[in-house]
Amino acid sequence: MLQRIQSVFLFFSSMITLIMIFFVPIFEIDSKEMFASDFLWAKVFLFISAILSLISINLYKNRKKQILLCSFSRTQITIALILLLFIYKKELNVKIELLLFAIPYLLLILSSYFIKKDEKLVKSSERIR
């Protein structure tokens, strides 16, 4: 389970997402730093993304569901980023740390790639039998 590279990517994606929610300031207002946890809906979508990544690790026997959960998790990150940039940005100064949202997103893309690669390997081995 955890020895597969996509499981490592999924684990790091969920951990980085959780760290971003609580410990990485993404906005500044009147020299006060704001975190993703200060914005309810962004926090909810990021937390869902982290949970889906962890659930996806345990679905290593069902690769199609893993790919689906990875896609849904990427969608959650995208929704949170859109919320933060276009809805909450009106009164806040954006910090460069907001670009850190790309890290879990890229890790989810990599995990999807390796899951698909595993699926191809399994299908090709079934053809040989």
Protein backbone atom coordinates (compact mmCIF):
# COMPACT_ATOMS: atom_id res chain seq x y z
CA MET A 1 0.00 0.00 0.00
CA LEU A 2 2.46 2.71 1.10
CA GLN A 3 5.32 1.22 -0.88
CA ARG A 4 3.71 2.39 -4.12
CA ILE A 5 4.91 5.79 -5.30
CA GLN A 6 1.37 7.04 -5.88
CA SER A 7 0.50 6.29 -2.26
CA VAL A 8 3.46 8.41 -1.17
CA PHE A 9 2.29 11.23 -3.45
CA LEU A 10 -1.24 10.99 -2.08
CA PHE A 11 0.02 11.00 1.51
CA PHE A 12 2.23 14.05 0.94
CA SER A 13 -0.59 15.80 -0.88
CA SER A 14 -2.93 15.38 2.09
CA MET A 15 -0.28 16.38 4.63
CA ILE A 16 0.75 19.49 2.67
CA THR A 17 -2.90 20.45 2.29
CA LEU A 18 -3.49 20.13 6.04
CA ILE A 19 -0.33 22.14 6.76
CA MET A 20 -1.49 24.83 4.33
CA ILE A 21 -4.85 25.11 6.07
CA PHE A 22 -3.45 25.87 9.51
CA PHE A 23 0.18 27.01 9.26
CA VAL A 24 0.79 28.88 5.99
CA PRO A 25 -0.42 32.50 5.81
CA ILE A 26 -1.99 33.24 2.44
CA PHE A 27 -3.42 36.75 2.89
CA GLU A 28 -2.53 39.86 4.81
CA ILE A 29 -4.93 42.50 6.07
CA ASP A 30 -3.68 45.48 8.08
CA SER A 31 -0.36 43.65 8.67
CA LYS A 32 -2.25 40.71 10.20
CA GLU A 33 -1.65 37.37 8.54
CA MET A 34 -4.67 35.34 7.48
CA PHE A 35 -4.66 31.57 7.06
CA ALA A 36 -6.91 29.33 4.97
CA SER A 37 -8.51 28.24 8.25
CA ASP A 38 -9.86 31.79 8.63
CA PHE A 39 -12.09 31.30 5.58
CA LEU A 40 -14.79 28.72 6.23
CA TRP A 41 -15.54 27.43 2.74
CA ALA A 42 -11.92 27.35 1.63
CA LYS A 43 -11.09 25.39 4.78
CA VAL A 44 -13.93 22.95 4.11
CA PHE A 45 -12.90 22.29 0.51
CA LEU A 46 -9.22 21.89 1.42
CA PHE A 47 -10.09 19.55 4.27
CA ILE A 48 -12.26 17.45 1.94
CA SER A 49 -9.35 17.28 -0.49
CA ALA A 50 -7.01 16.04 2.23
CA ILE A 51 -9.51 13.43 3.42
CA LEU A 52 -10.12 12.20 -0.13
CA SER A 53 -6.38 11.78 -0.64
CA LEU A 54 -6.12 9.69 2.51
CA ILE A 55 -9.13 7.59 1.53
CA SER A 56 -7.63 7.07 -1.90
CA ILE A 57 -4.52 5.52 -0.36
CA ASN A 58 -6.65 2.76 1.13
CA LEU A 59 -8.34 2.01 -2.20
CA TYR A 60 -5.17 0.61 -3.75
CA LYS A 61 -7.06 -2.46 -5.01
CA ASN A 62 -9.59 -0.37 -6.91
CA ARG A 63 -7.50 1.86 -9.16
CA LYS A 64 -10.45 3.36 -11.04
CA LYS A 65 -11.93 4.69 -7.81
CA GLN A 66 -8.48 5.98 -6.86
CA ILE A 67 -8.27 7.95 -10.08
CA LEU A 68 -11.78 9.29 -9.53
CA LEU A 69 -10.97 10.39 -5.98
CA CYS A 70 -7.76 12.05 -7.17
CA SER A 71 -9.71 13.99 -9.77
CA PHE A 72 -12.32 14.99 -7.21
CA SER A 73 -9.59 16.03 -4.78
CA ARG A 74 -7.99 18.22 -7.45
CA THR A 75 -11.40 19.77 -8.07
CA GLN A 76 -11.72 20.58 -4.36
CA ILE A 77 -8.33 22.34 -4.37
CA THR A 78 -9.35 24.30 -7.46
CA ILE A 79 -12.64 25.38 -5.87
CA ALA A 80 -10.83 26.50 -2.71
CA LEU A 81 -8.32 28.49 -4.75
CA ILE A 82 -11.09 30.14 -6.78
CA LEU A 83 -12.91 31.02 -3.56
CA LEU A 84 -9.80 32.54 -2.05
CA LEU A 85 -8.76 34.46 -5.15
CA PHE A 86 -12.04 35.79 -6.45
CA ILE A 87 -14.38 36.02 -3.49
CA TYR A 88 -12.21 36.81 -0.47
CA LYS A 89 -9.51 38.79 -2.30
CA LYS A 90 -11.53 42.01 -2.44
CA GLU A 91 -10.34 43.33 0.91
CA LEU A 92 -7.10 41.41 1.33
CA ASN A 93 -3.51 41.51 0.05
CA VAL A 94 -2.46 38.24 -1.57
CA LYS A 95 0.80 36.70 -0.34
CA ILE A 96 3.14 34.63 -2.50
CA GLU A 97 2.45 31.58 -0.32
CA LEU A 98 -0.89 31.24 -2.10
CA LEU A 99 1.10 29.63 -4.93
CA LEU A 100 1.78 26.69 -2.61
CA PHE A 101 -1.64 25.37 -3.63
CA ALA A 102 0.13 24.09 -6.74
CA ILE A 103 2.16 21.54 -4.74
CA PRO A 104 -0.69 19.23 -3.61
CA TYR A 105 -2.35 19.73 -7.00
CA LEU A 106 0.79 18.57 -8.82
CA LEU A 107 1.22 15.66 -6.40
CA LEU A 108 -2.33 14.55 -7.19
CA ILE A 109 -1.61 14.75 -10.92
CA LEU A 110 1.52 12.63 -10.42
CA SER A 111 -0.36 10.08 -8.35
CA SER A 112 -3.06 9.82 -11.02
CA TYR A 113 -0.38 9.27 -13.64
CA PHE A 114 1.21 6.44 -11.68
CA ILE A 115 -2.17 4.87 -10.87
CA LYS A 116 -2.97 4.83 -14.59
CA LYS A 117 0.46 3.33 -15.24
CA ASP A 118 -0.29 0.55 -12.71
CA GLU A 119 -3.65 -0.05 -14.36
CA LYS A 120 -1.96 -0.49 -17.76
CA LEU A 121 0.55 -2.90 -16.23
CA VAL A 122 -2.19 -5.01 -14.66
CA LYS A 123 -4.20 -5.10 -17.89
CA SER A 124 -1.14 -6.11 -19.92
CA SER A 125 -0.29 -8.89 -17.46
CA GLU A 126 -3.88 -10.18 -17.69
CA ARG A 127 -3.55 -10.35 -21.47
CA ILE A 128 -0.43 -12.49 -21.18
CA ARG A 129 -2.26 -15.12 -19.10
